[in-house]
Protein backbone atom coordinates (compact mmCIF):
# COMPACT_ATOMS: atom_id res chain seq x y z
CA UNK A 1 38.90 -11.16 3.12
CA UNK A 2 38.74 -13.08 6.41
CA UNK A 3 41.48 -12.27 8.89
CA UNK A 4 42.26 -13.96 12.19
CA UNK A 5 44.50 -12.15 14.67
CA UNK A 6 44.85 -14.26 17.81
CA UNK A 7 48.64 -14.34 17.64
CA UNK A 8 49.77 -11.06 19.12
CA UNK A 9 53.06 -12.42 20.36
CA UNK A 10 54.89 -15.67 19.85
CA UNK A 11 54.76 -17.83 23.03
CA UNK A 12 58.06 -18.22 24.85
CA UNK A 13 60.03 -21.18 23.53
CA UNK A 14 57.56 -21.81 20.71
CA UNK A 15 58.33 -22.23 17.04
CA UNK A 16 56.64 -20.24 14.30
CA UNK A 17 55.99 -20.82 10.62
CA UNK A 18 54.55 -18.76 7.80
CA UNK A 19 53.02 -20.02 4.55
CA UNK A 20 50.53 -19.01 1.86
CA UNK A 21 47.53 -20.92 0.56
CA UNK A 22 46.88 -20.81 -3.18
CA UNK A 23 44.92 -19.93 -5.21
CA UNK A 24 43.59 -16.75 -3.60
CA UNK A 25 39.81 -17.02 -3.32
CA UNK A 26 37.88 -14.93 -0.79
CA UNK A 27 34.89 -17.31 -0.71
CA UNK A 28 37.08 -20.35 -0.06
CA UNK A 29 39.01 -18.54 2.70
CA UNK A 30 35.71 -17.61 4.35
CA UNK A 31 34.68 -21.28 4.32
CA UNK A 32 38.06 -22.36 5.66
CA UNK A 33 38.01 -19.94 8.59
CA UNK A 34 34.32 -20.45 9.41
CA UNK A 35 31.82 -18.07 10.93
CA UNK A 36 33.60 -15.87 13.48
CA UNK A 37 36.73 -17.94 12.73
CA UNK A 38 35.22 -20.95 14.49
CA UNK A 39 37.17 -23.44 12.37
CA UNK A 40 40.53 -21.82 13.11
CA UNK A 41 39.66 -21.70 16.81
CA UNK A 42 38.68 -25.37 16.67
CA UNK A 43 42.09 -26.27 15.22
CA UNK A 44 43.89 -24.05 17.73
CA UNK A 45 42.14 -25.66 20.67
CA UNK A 46 42.72 -29.22 19.49
CA UNK A 47 46.39 -28.84 18.59
CA UNK A 48 47.39 -26.27 21.20
CA UNK A 49 48.78 -23.84 18.63
CA UNK A 50 48.09 -20.20 17.71
CA UNK A 51 46.91 -19.25 14.22
CA UNK A 52 47.14 -15.81 12.65
CA UNK A 53 46.12 -15.07 9.09
CA UNK A 54 45.78 -12.10 6.81
CA UNK A 55 44.10 -13.16 3.60
CA UNK A 56 45.94 -16.15 2.22
CA UNK A 57 48.99 -15.62 4.45
CA UNK A 58 49.06 -17.80 7.57
CA UNK A 59 51.34 -17.83 10.59
CA UNK A 60 51.32 -20.71 13.08
CA UNK A 61 53.06 -20.75 16.47
CA UNK A 62 53.49 -23.51 19.04
CA UNK A 63 55.05 -26.95 19.24
CA UNK A 64 56.94 -27.79 16.03
CA UNK A 65 55.16 -31.11 15.52
CA UNK A 66 51.76 -29.54 16.10
CA UNK A 67 52.61 -26.80 13.61
CA UNK A 68 53.33 -29.54 11.04
CA UNK A 69 49.94 -31.10 11.77
CA UNK A 70 48.21 -27.69 11.69
CA UNK A 71 49.65 -26.71 8.33
CA UNK A 72 48.77 -30.10 6.88
CA UNK A 73 45.15 -29.83 8.10
CA UNK A 74 44.74 -26.26 6.83
CA UNK A 75 46.01 -27.27 3.39
CA UNK A 76 43.69 -30.29 3.29
CA UNK A 77 40.69 -28.27 4.43
CA UNK A 78 41.42 -25.55 1.87
CA UNK A 79 41.48 -28.20 -0.85
CA UNK A 80 38.13 -29.43 0.51
CA UNK A 81 36.58 -25.97 -0.07
CA UNK A 82 37.17 -26.17 -3.82
CA UNK A 83 33.70 -26.13 -5.35
CA UNK A 84 32.02 -26.46 -1.94
CA UNK A 85 29.18 -24.31 -0.59
CA UNK A 86 29.93 -25.03 3.05
CA UNK A 87 32.58 -26.41 5.40
CA UNK A 88 31.01 -27.63 8.63
CA UNK A 89 32.60 -27.94 12.08
CA UNK A 90 31.93 -31.67 11.76
CA UNK A 91 34.16 -31.84 8.68
CA UNK A 92 36.93 -29.98 10.50
CA UNK A 93 36.54 -32.42 13.39
CA UNK A 94 36.87 -35.38 11.02
CA UNK A 95 40.12 -34.01 9.61
CA UNK A 96 41.42 -33.40 13.12
CA UNK A 97 40.59 -37.01 13.95
CA UNK A 98 43.10 -38.13 11.35
CA UNK A 99 45.37 -40.61 13.10
CA UNK A 100 48.47 -38.78 11.94
CA UNK A 101 47.47 -35.95 14.28
CA UNK A 102 46.84 -38.39 17.12
CA UNK A 103 50.26 -39.93 16.50
CA UNK A 104 51.81 -36.53 17.13
CA UNK A 105 49.79 -36.15 20.32
CA UNK A 106 50.57 -39.54 21.88
CA UNK A 107 53.93 -40.22 20.22
CA UNK A 108 52.80 -43.43 18.52
CA UNK A 109 53.75 -44.52 15.03
CA UNK A 110 51.06 -44.74 12.36
CA UNK A 111 51.45 -46.17 8.87
CA UNK A 112 49.59 -44.02 6.35
CA UNK A 113 47.74 -45.51 3.39
CA UNK A 114 49.42 -44.52 0.15
CA UNK A 115 46.21 -44.75 -1.86
CA UNK A 116 43.17 -43.45 0.05
CA UNK A 117 39.95 -45.34 -0.66
CA UNK A 118 36.59 -43.77 -1.51
CA UNK A 119 33.24 -45.55 -1.74
CA UNK A 120 30.81 -44.65 -4.52
CA UNK A 121 27.08 -44.34 -3.88
CA UNK A 122 24.27 -42.68 -5.83
CA UNK A 123 24.40 -39.72 -3.47
CA UNK A 124 28.15 -39.20 -3.91
CA UNK A 125 31.53 -40.33 -2.64
CA UNK A 126 32.05 -41.48 0.93
CA UNK A 127 35.61 -40.95 2.15
CA UNK A 128 36.82 -42.92 5.19
CA UNK A 129 38.68 -40.59 7.57
CA UNK A 130 42.06 -41.51 8.99
CA UNK A 131 44.18 -44.64 8.59
CA UNK A 132 41.99 -46.86 10.82
CA UNK A 133 38.81 -46.23 8.82
CA UNK A 134 40.83 -46.62 5.61
CA UNK A 135 42.21 -49.91 6.91
CA UNK A 136 38.70 -51.05 7.84
CA UNK A 137 37.28 -50.42 4.36
CA UNK A 138 40.33 -51.96 2.68
CA UNK A 139 39.96 -55.05 4.86
CA UNK A 140 36.28 -55.35 3.93
CA UNK A 141 37.12 -55.19 0.23
CA UNK A 142 39.78 -57.88 0.60
CA UNK A 143 38.11 -60.45 2.90
CA UNK A 144 34.87 -62.41 2.92
CA UNK A 145 34.34 -62.08 6.69
CA UNK A 146 35.26 -58.94 8.60
CA UNK A 147 34.96 -57.71 12.18
CA UNK A 148 34.72 -54.00 13.07
CA UNK A 149 35.05 -53.68 16.84
CA UNK A 150 35.00 -50.49 18.91
CA UNK A 151 32.94 -47.78 20.60
CA UNK A 152 29.96 -45.92 19.20
CA UNK A 153 30.69 -43.14 16.76
CA UNK A 154 33.70 -44.70 15.04
CA UNK A 155 31.87 -45.19 11.72
CA UNK A 156 32.05 -48.98 11.71
CA UNK A 157 28.35 -49.54 10.89
CA UNK A 158 28.05 -46.58 8.51
CA UNK A 159 31.08 -47.65 6.47
CA UNK A 160 29.87 -51.26 6.41
CA UNK A 161 26.58 -50.08 4.87
CA UNK A 162 28.52 -47.92 2.39
CA UNK A 163 30.56 -50.94 1.28
CA UNK A 164 27.35 -52.94 0.85
CA UNK A 165 25.70 -50.18 -1.21
CA UNK A 166 28.74 -49.86 -3.46
CA UNK A 167 28.82 -53.63 -4.05
CA UNK A 168 25.10 -53.59 -4.93
CA UNK A 169 25.46 -50.62 -7.28
CA UNK A 170 28.38 -52.35 -9.04
CA UNK A 171 26.30 -55.57 -9.30
CA UNK A 172 28.92 -57.52 -7.36
CA UNK A 173 26.11 -58.88 -5.14
CA UNK A 174 22.38 -59.46 -5.55
CA UNK A 175 21.11 -58.43 -2.12
CA UNK A 176 21.91 -56.77 1.17
CA UNK A 177 20.92 -58.23 4.53
CA UNK A 178 20.97 -56.11 7.67
CA UNK A 179 20.81 -58.20 10.83
CA UNK A 180 20.68 -57.49 14.56
CA UNK A 181 20.18 -59.63 17.66
CA UNK A 182 16.90 -59.00 19.51
CA UNK A 183 18.60 -57.76 22.67
CA UNK A 184 18.81 -54.12 23.71
CA UNK A 185 19.98 -52.27 26.81
CA UNK A 186 17.25 -52.33 29.44
CA UNK A 187 14.50 -53.11 26.92
CA UNK A 188 12.01 -55.97 27.11
CA UNK A 189 10.97 -56.74 23.55
CA UNK A 190 8.06 -58.87 24.73
CA UNK A 191 6.18 -55.78 25.87
CA UNK A 192 6.43 -54.14 22.45
CA UNK A 193 3.57 -54.55 19.91
CA UNK A 194 3.83 -56.72 16.80
CA UNK A 195 5.77 -59.82 15.79
CA UNK A 196 9.53 -60.20 16.31
CA UNK A 197 10.43 -58.40 13.07
CA UNK A 198 8.21 -55.44 14.00
CA UNK A 199 9.56 -55.39 17.55
CA UNK A 200 13.18 -55.15 16.40
CA UNK A 201 12.52 -52.74 13.52
CA UNK A 202 13.07 -49.54 15.60
CA UNK A 203 16.46 -50.83 16.74
CA UNK A 204 17.57 -51.11 13.11
CA UNK A 205 16.99 -47.39 12.54
CA UNK A 206 20.73 -46.52 12.26
CA UNK A 207 21.01 -48.98 9.37
CA UNK A 208 17.93 -47.55 7.66
CA UNK A 209 19.21 -44.00 8.10
CA UNK A 210 22.53 -44.86 6.47
CA UNK A 211 20.73 -46.45 3.50
CA UNK A 212 18.41 -43.44 3.09
CA UNK A 213 21.40 -41.11 3.03
CA UNK A 214 23.28 -43.15 0.45
CA UNK A 215 20.59 -44.21 -2.04
CA UNK A 216 17.45 -42.27 -1.14
CA UNK A 217 14.26 -43.04 0.77
CA UNK A 218 12.09 -44.08 -2.20
CA UNK A 219 14.68 -46.41 -3.70
CA UNK A 220 15.32 -48.07 -0.34
CA UNK A 221 11.58 -48.69 -0.01
CA UNK A 222 11.45 -50.24 -3.50
CA UNK A 223 14.47 -52.46 -2.83
CA UNK A 224 12.99 -53.66 0.46
CA UNK A 225 9.71 -54.42 -1.32
CA UNK A 226 11.61 -56.47 -3.92
CA UNK A 227 13.56 -58.21 -1.14
CA UNK A 228 16.85 -56.89 -2.55
CA UNK A 229 17.39 -55.30 0.86
CA UNK A 230 16.27 -57.43 3.77
CA UNK A 231 16.22 -56.29 7.39
CA UNK A 232 15.81 -59.09 9.89
CA UNK A 233 16.46 -60.18 13.47
CA UNK A 234 19.29 -62.66 13.92
CA UNK A 235 16.89 -65.49 14.78
CA UNK A 236 15.62 -65.44 11.19
CA UNK A 237 19.06 -66.43 9.86
CA UNK A 238 18.92 -69.98 11.21
CA UNK A 239 18.83 -72.65 8.52
CA UNK A 240 19.65 -70.29 5.65
CA UNK A 241 22.62 -70.25 3.29
CA UNK A 242 23.27 -66.81 1.81
CA UNK A 243 24.96 -66.63 -1.60
CA UNK A 244 25.90 -63.46 -3.54
CA UNK A 245 24.90 -61.28 -0.64
CA UNK A 246 26.35 -58.61 1.62
CA UNK A 247 25.41 -59.37 5.22
CA UNK A 248 25.92 -56.93 8.09
CA UNK A 249 25.47 -58.11 11.67
CA UNK A 250 25.23 -55.01 13.85
CA UNK A 251 25.46 -54.87 17.69
CA UNK A 252 27.04 -58.34 17.59
CA UNK A 253 28.27 -58.07 21.18
CA UNK A 254 24.71 -59.11 22.09
CA UNK A 255 24.95 -62.48 20.36
CA UNK A 256 25.59 -65.66 22.32
CA UNK A 257 28.44 -67.96 21.33
CA UNK A 258 25.96 -70.29 19.63
CA UNK A 259 24.27 -67.46 17.72
CA UNK A 260 27.59 -66.12 16.45
CA UNK A 261 28.65 -69.56 15.21
CA UNK A 262 25.25 -69.96 13.54
CA UNK A 263 25.56 -66.61 11.79
CA UNK A 264 29.11 -67.15 10.56
CA UNK A 265 28.20 -70.52 9.06
CA UNK A 266 25.38 -68.95 7.00
CA UNK A 267 27.91 -67.41 4.60
CA UNK A 268 27.68 -68.78 1.07
CA UNK A 269 29.58 -68.31 -2.19
CA UNK A 270 30.05 -64.77 -3.43
CA UNK A 271 29.03 -63.28 -0.10
CA UNK A 272 30.69 -60.82 2.27
CA UNK A 273 29.86 -60.58 5.97
CA UNK A 274 30.66 -57.71 8.31
CA UNK A 275 30.23 -58.12 12.05
CA UNK A 276 30.24 -54.90 14.06
CA UNK A 277 30.03 -54.41 17.79
CA UNK A 278 31.42 -52.99 21.02
CA UNK A 279 32.54 -55.60 23.56
CA UNK A 280 32.23 -53.03 26.37
CA UNK A 281 28.46 -52.66 25.78
CA UNK A 282 27.14 -56.20 26.27
CA UNK A 283 23.44 -56.39 27.24
CA UNK A 284 23.18 -60.17 27.54
CA UNK A 285 21.93 -61.76 30.78
CA UNK A 286 24.55 -61.97 33.53
CA UNK A 287 26.76 -65.03 33.08
CA UNK A 288 26.13 -65.32 29.31
CA UNK A 289 29.29 -64.94 27.28
CA UNK A 290 29.28 -62.59 24.30
CA UNK A 291 29.62 -64.34 20.97
CA UNK A 292 31.69 -61.42 19.69
CA UNK A 293 34.28 -61.68 22.48
CA UNK A 294 34.46 -65.43 21.92
CA UNK A 295 34.83 -65.05 18.14
CA UNK A 296 37.77 -62.68 18.59
CA UNK A 297 39.61 -65.37 20.55
CA UNK A 298 38.70 -68.23 18.21
CA UNK A 299 39.07 -66.59 14.80
CA UNK A 300 41.90 -64.09 15.16
CA UNK A 301 44.70 -65.20 12.87
CA UNK A 302 42.43 -67.29 10.61
CA UNK A 303 43.22 -66.47 6.95
CA UNK A 304 40.64 -64.44 4.98
CA UNK A 305 38.99 -63.10 8.14
CA UNK A 306 39.72 -59.43 8.80
CA UNK A 307 39.73 -57.61 12.14
CA UNK A 308 39.74 -53.84 12.66
CA UNK A 309 39.90 -52.55 16.22
CA UNK A 310 38.63 -48.99 16.79
CA UNK A 311 39.23 -46.88 19.88
CA UNK A 312 38.16 -43.50 21.27
CA UNK A 313 40.51 -41.65 18.89
CA UNK A 314 38.47 -42.94 15.95
CA UNK A 315 35.20 -41.41 17.19
CA UNK A 316 33.82 -39.13 14.47
CA UNK A 317 30.79 -37.74 16.27
CA UNK A 318 30.65 -34.66 18.49
CA UNK A 319 34.02 -34.19 20.27
CA UNK A 320 32.27 -34.79 23.60
CA UNK A 321 31.52 -38.39 22.53
CA UNK A 322 35.24 -39.12 22.41
CA UNK A 323 35.72 -37.58 25.86
CA UNK A 324 32.81 -39.62 27.25
CA UNK A 325 34.21 -42.87 25.83
CA UNK A 326 37.64 -42.10 27.28
CA UNK A 327 36.13 -41.24 30.69
CA UNK A 328 34.24 -44.53 30.84
CA UNK A 329 37.34 -46.46 29.72
CA UNK A 330 39.41 -44.82 32.46
CA UNK A 331 36.73 -45.56 35.07
CA UNK A 332 36.59 -49.22 33.99
CA UNK A 333 40.38 -49.51 34.24
CA UNK A 334 40.35 -48.07 37.75
CA UNK A 335 37.57 -50.41 38.84
CA UNK A 336 39.37 -53.42 37.34
CA UNK A 337 42.59 -52.42 39.07
CA UNK A 338 40.79 -52.22 42.42
CA UNK A 339 39.29 -55.68 41.90
CA UNK A 340 42.72 -57.14 41.12
CA UNK A 341 44.22 -55.55 44.22
CA UNK A 342 41.30 -56.79 46.30
CA UNK A 343 41.87 -60.39 45.24
CA UNK A 344 45.65 -60.23 45.60
């Protein structure tokens, strides 16, 4: 039985709580605690609490609100071990990213979804993590045009592909189109070999990878061959009307105002469009306005168009990614503040 004894004495002024996890299962407790108790240490570090356990008996000490969050996460993770062969640090991180924990940390109020949504693919269920990802998926299912805006690692593109795959599997649509503008940071596409489609193909790799994970490499290849899945640069969308399709425009911050308007007016009957991007990562020529930033101003508040704004707390990659995003955001705020003071 795994035991974790980091709590030798209760910190001064801290609260403590004891509880048991049921049913008793040595294998599941080993998964919950992780190798060398790495999962418990991960939770301790994130929440600033101390965890002590002997078998299925747990004792938590620290801030009362953080204890609440810690107990909730331990119970959820233990439920996750039921029938599982592994519980990775990434999974623990995803549970810790739950916005209810962040609400405790920053004191904000978060409305929890009463009925969590899961997306079905051939390779299994995909579960959005936290209220913001849940809101994003719910918005996609309820609106014909949706915007997912925020930093890298927040799951906006991955979940968009998952929604498209589910719609295809349920025969709600006939095809999936994955689209990207032919602009990338510091890259000159003209120097790359091949035509425009071949030049942009490597930049669509994240979309391919998500499809391979959800429906398998061979099936993706067959669907592309049958034109059920189409991967194309944005320029190829001009003049088309897309019916009964699921269209994902990725990296949309690199569209011009004219390109964004062109794309949005391609939507036909029975189609759903998702536009993802990060307005802080624009690679357009200096002086060219981002079509994504413009669309936010023009379309916000228009019925049947959904917006989901992600931030650094929604990052679901390595914990350092969140810290990097926050560091850059803080630097940008300082620089902007200096510019304002300089012009005052």
